[in-house]
Amino acid sequence: MTKPLRFLVVEDEILIAMGLELELKKAGFAVCKRVTSGEEAIIAAVQEHPDVILMDIRLAGTLDGFKAAQQIQSVSSIPILFMTGYPDKEVIEGAQQQQPLRLLFKPIRIQDIQSVVASIPHAE
């Protein structure tokens, strides 16, 4: 039996983060941790070893999602799924440079997450 994919949710708006966690769990995924800043995301990625990181671009703290993703990807190959409520040209170009699984625009639909992560092998 395969284990569900484990997500690290990086979102500084607590109600959105809680909603995402609830939807992920209802869809059969697991959430290993929920954090609000880029700095916390780096630490959690190293400590928790999630299968996927669901990362907002604008975060609390000094590191945005792009900078946090760069640091995480320098030490790990954890796939990152970016999300944003600001679909402007600068954000889209910044996301493309990170080569994420995908850039999703808020409000996030669980079906979009499911379709993107369907190709990620589940942990045994």
C-alpha atoms as a PDB file:
ATOM      1  CA  MET A   1       0.000   0.000   0.000  1.00  0.00           C
ATOM      2  CA  THR A   2       1.353   3.404  -0.903  1.00  0.00           C
ATOM      3  CA  LYS A   3       1.539   6.294   1.479  1.00  0.00           C
ATOM      4  CA  PRO A   4      -0.142   9.562   0.497  1.00  0.00           C
ATOM      5  CA  LEU A   5       2.007  12.367  -0.865  1.00  0.00           C
ATOM      6  CA  ARG A   6       3.182  14.619   1.961  1.00  0.00           C
ATOM      7  CA  PHE A   7       2.871  18.365   1.429  1.00  0.00           C
ATOM      8  CA  LEU A   8       4.641  21.253   3.100  1.00  0.00           C
ATOM      9  CA  VAL A   9       2.231  24.201   2.892  1.00  0.00           C
ATOM     10  CA  VAL A  10       3.961  27.595   2.839  1.00  0.00           C
ATOM     11  CA  GLU A  11       1.335  30.340   3.091  1.00  0.00           C
ATOM     12  CA  ASP A  12       1.326  33.438   5.301  1.00  0.00           C
ATOM     13  CA  GLU A  13      -2.443  33.940   5.286  1.00  0.00           C
ATOM     14  CA  ILE A  14      -3.564  31.539   8.000  1.00  0.00           C
ATOM     15  CA  LEU A  15      -7.144  31.074   6.768  1.00  0.00           C
ATOM     16  CA  ILE A  16      -5.937  30.216   3.264  1.00  0.00           C
ATOM     17  CA  ALA A  17      -3.326  27.843   4.715  1.00  0.00           C
ATOM     18  CA  MET A  18      -5.915  26.112   6.885  1.00  0.00           C
ATOM     19  CA  GLY A  19      -8.284  25.791   3.933  1.00  0.00           C
ATOM     20  CA  LEU A  20      -5.550  24.324   1.747  1.00  0.00           C
ATOM     21  CA  GLU A  21      -4.592  21.846   4.455  1.00  0.00           C
ATOM     22  CA  LEU A  22      -8.216  20.753   4.845  1.00  0.00           C
ATOM     23  CA  GLU A  23      -8.703  20.344   1.084  1.00  0.00           C
ATOM     24  CA  LEU A  24      -5.440  18.433   0.689  1.00  0.00           C
ATOM     25  CA  LYS A  25      -6.403  16.027   3.476  1.00  0.00           C
ATOM     26  CA  LYS A  26      -9.904  15.548   2.053  1.00  0.00           C
ATOM     27  CA  ALA A  27      -8.300  14.688  -1.301  1.00  0.00           C
ATOM     28  CA  GLY A  28      -6.213  11.953   0.343  1.00  0.00           C
ATOM     29  CA  PHE A  29      -2.924  13.814   0.717  1.00  0.00           C
ATOM     30  CA  ALA A  30      -1.011  14.417   3.953  1.00  0.00           C
ATOM     31  CA  VAL A  31       0.275  17.739   5.270  1.00  0.00           C
ATOM     32  CA  CYS A  32       3.510  17.333   7.216  1.00  0.00           C
ATOM     33  CA  LYS A  33       3.688  20.986   8.237  1.00  0.00           C
ATOM     34  CA  ARG A  34       2.241  24.431   7.592  1.00  0.00           C
ATOM     35  CA  VAL A  35       4.534  27.488   7.798  1.00  0.00           C
ATOM     36  CA  THR A  36       4.212  31.213   7.067  1.00  0.00           C
ATOM     37  CA  SER A  37       7.667  32.414   5.993  1.00  0.00           C
ATOM     38  CA  GLY A  38      10.439  31.556   3.580  1.00  0.00           C
ATOM     39  CA  GLU A  39      12.838  31.060   6.467  1.00  0.00           C
ATOM     40  CA  GLU A  40      10.486  28.533   8.103  1.00  0.00           C
ATOM     41  CA  ALA A  41       9.979  26.812   4.737  1.00  0.00           C
ATOM     42  CA  ILE A  42      13.702  26.136   4.378  1.00  0.00           C
ATOM     43  CA  ILE A  43      13.943  24.655   7.861  1.00  0.00           C
ATOM     44  CA  ALA A  44      10.764  22.594   7.440  1.00  0.00           C
ATOM     45  CA  ALA A  45      11.869  21.264   4.045  1.00  0.00           C
ATOM     46  CA  VAL A  46      15.115  19.975   5.563  1.00  0.00           C
ATOM     47  CA  GLN A  47      13.493  18.559   8.708  1.00  0.00           C
ATOM     48  CA  GLU A  48      10.266  17.138   7.263  1.00  0.00           C
ATOM     49  CA  HIS A  49      11.379  15.915   3.810  1.00  0.00           C
ATOM     50  CA  PRO A  50       7.981  16.513   2.168  1.00  0.00           C
ATOM     51  CA  ASP A  51       7.140  14.985  -1.206  1.00  0.00           C
ATOM     52  CA  VAL A  52       5.847  18.330  -2.528  1.00  0.00           C
ATOM     53  CA  ILE A  53       6.059  21.951  -1.382  1.00  0.00           C
ATOM     54  CA  LEU A  54       3.028  24.147  -2.011  1.00  0.00           C
ATOM     55  CA  MET A  55       4.643  27.592  -1.839  1.00  0.00           C
ATOM     56  CA  ASP A  56       3.061  31.028  -1.917  1.00  0.00           C
ATOM     57  CA  ILE A  57       5.282  33.639  -3.554  1.00  0.00           C
ATOM     58  CA  ARG A  58       4.616  36.541  -1.201  1.00  0.00           C
ATOM     59  CA  LEU A  59       5.332  35.486   2.360  1.00  0.00           C
ATOM     60  CA  ALA A  60       5.909  36.817   5.839  1.00  0.00           C
ATOM     61  CA  GLY A  61       9.570  37.284   6.759  1.00  0.00           C
ATOM     62  CA  THR A  62      12.429  38.534   4.620  1.00  0.00           C
ATOM     63  CA  LEU A  63      12.529  35.715   2.057  1.00  0.00           C
ATOM     64  CA  ASP A  64       9.843  35.510  -0.588  1.00  0.00           C
ATOM     65  CA  GLY A  65       8.791  32.179  -2.082  1.00  0.00           C
ATOM     66  CA  PHE A  66      11.283  32.465  -4.941  1.00  0.00           C
ATOM     67  CA  LYS A  67      14.279  33.019  -2.662  1.00  0.00           C
ATOM     68  CA  ALA A  68      13.167  30.271  -0.297  1.00  0.00           C
ATOM     69  CA  ALA A  69      12.707  27.897  -3.245  1.00  0.00           C
ATOM     70  CA  GLN A  70      16.214  28.679  -4.531  1.00  0.00           C
ATOM     71  CA  GLN A  71      17.721  27.799  -1.167  1.00  0.00           C
ATOM     72  CA  ILE A  72      15.643  24.626  -0.846  1.00  0.00           C
ATOM     73  CA  GLN A  73      16.497  23.518  -4.379  1.00  0.00           C
ATOM     74  CA  SER A  74      20.204  24.073  -3.721  1.00  0.00           C
ATOM     75  CA  VAL A  75      20.127  21.217  -1.187  1.00  0.00           C
ATOM     76  CA  SER A  76      17.119  19.134  -2.232  1.00  0.00           C
ATOM     77  CA  SER A  77      15.125  18.023  -5.255  1.00  0.00           C
ATOM     78  CA  ILE A  78      11.714  18.418  -3.601  1.00  0.00           C
ATOM     79  CA  PRO A  79       9.229  19.502  -6.282  1.00  0.00           C
ATOM     80  CA  ILE A  80       7.740  22.942  -5.687  1.00  0.00           C
ATOM     81  CA  LEU A  81       4.286  24.057  -6.721  1.00  0.00           C
ATOM     82  CA  PHE A  82       4.028  27.866  -6.586  1.00  0.00           C
ATOM     83  CA  MET A  83       0.819  29.740  -5.913  1.00  0.00           C
ATOM     84  CA  THR A  84       0.015  33.424  -6.077  1.00  0.00           C
ATOM     85  CA  GLY A  85      -2.821  35.881  -5.960  1.00  0.00           C
ATOM     86  CA  TYR A  86      -0.813  38.311  -8.090  1.00  0.00           C
ATOM     87  CA  PRO A  87      -0.669  36.996 -11.683  1.00  0.00           C
ATOM     88  CA  ASP A  88       1.451  39.838 -13.077  1.00  0.00           C
ATOM     89  CA  LYS A  89       4.257  39.480 -15.630  1.00  0.00           C
ATOM     90  CA  GLU A  90       7.053  39.786 -13.040  1.00  0.00           C
ATOM     91  CA  VAL A  91       5.611  36.982 -10.903  1.00  0.00           C
ATOM     92  CA  ILE A  92       5.076  34.679 -13.881  1.00  0.00           C
ATOM     93  CA  GLU A  93       8.614  35.247 -15.176  1.00  0.00           C
ATOM     94  CA  GLY A  94      10.077  34.722 -11.704  1.00  0.00           C
ATOM     95  CA  ALA A  95       8.205  31.451 -11.339  1.00  0.00           C
ATOM     96  CA  GLN A  96       9.347  30.203 -14.737  1.00  0.00           C
ATOM     97  CA  GLN A  97      12.988  30.776 -13.738  1.00  0.00           C
ATOM     98  CA  GLN A  98      12.469  28.440 -10.767  1.00  0.00           C
ATOM     99  CA  GLN A  99      11.141  25.633 -12.965  1.00  0.00           C
ATOM    100  CA  PRO A 100       8.328  24.722 -10.588  1.00  0.00           C
ATOM    101  CA  LEU A 101       5.907  21.876 -11.108  1.00  0.00           C
ATOM    102  CA  ARG A 102       3.447  24.626 -11.956  1.00  0.00           C
ATOM    103  CA  LEU A 103       2.308  28.128 -11.020  1.00  0.00           C
ATOM    104  CA  LEU A 104      -1.254  28.176  -9.710  1.00  0.00           C
ATOM    105  CA  PHE A 105      -3.364  31.279  -9.277  1.00  0.00           C
ATOM    106  CA  LYS A 106      -5.530  31.842  -6.226  1.00  0.00           C
ATOM    107  CA  PRO A 107      -8.132  30.803  -5.410  1.00  0.00           C
ATOM    108  CA  ILE A 108      -6.517  27.379  -5.586  1.00  0.00           C
ATOM    109  CA  ARG A 109      -8.650  24.466  -6.721  1.00  0.00           C
ATOM    110  CA  ILE A 110      -7.755  21.052  -5.328  1.00  0.00           C
ATOM    111  CA  GLN A 111      -8.379  19.563  -8.778  1.00  0.00           C
ATOM    112  CA  ASP A 112      -5.498  21.648 -10.155  1.00  0.00           C
ATOM    113  CA  ILE A 113      -3.160  20.351  -7.462  1.00  0.00           C
ATOM    114  CA  GLN A 114      -4.295  16.778  -8.066  1.00  0.00           C
ATOM    115  CA  SER A 115      -3.650  16.983 -11.796  1.00  0.00           C
ATOM    116  CA  VAL A 116      -0.172  18.467 -11.322  1.00  0.00           C
ATOM    117  CA  VAL A 117       1.019  15.985  -8.694  1.00  0.00           C
ATOM    118  CA  ALA A 118      -0.483  12.911 -10.360  1.00  0.00           C
ATOM    119  CA  SER A 119       2.879  12.177 -11.979  1.00  0.00           C
ATOM    120  CA  ILE A 120       4.863  12.302  -8.720  1.00  0.00           C
ATOM    121  CA  PRO A 121       5.613   8.777  -7.425  1.00  0.00           C
ATOM    122  CA  HIS A 122       4.134   8.046  -4.015  1.00  0.00           C
ATOM    123  CA  ALA A 123       6.385   7.125  -1.127  1.00  0.00           C
ATOM    124  CA  GLU A 124       6.406   3.404  -0.315  1.00  0.00           C
END
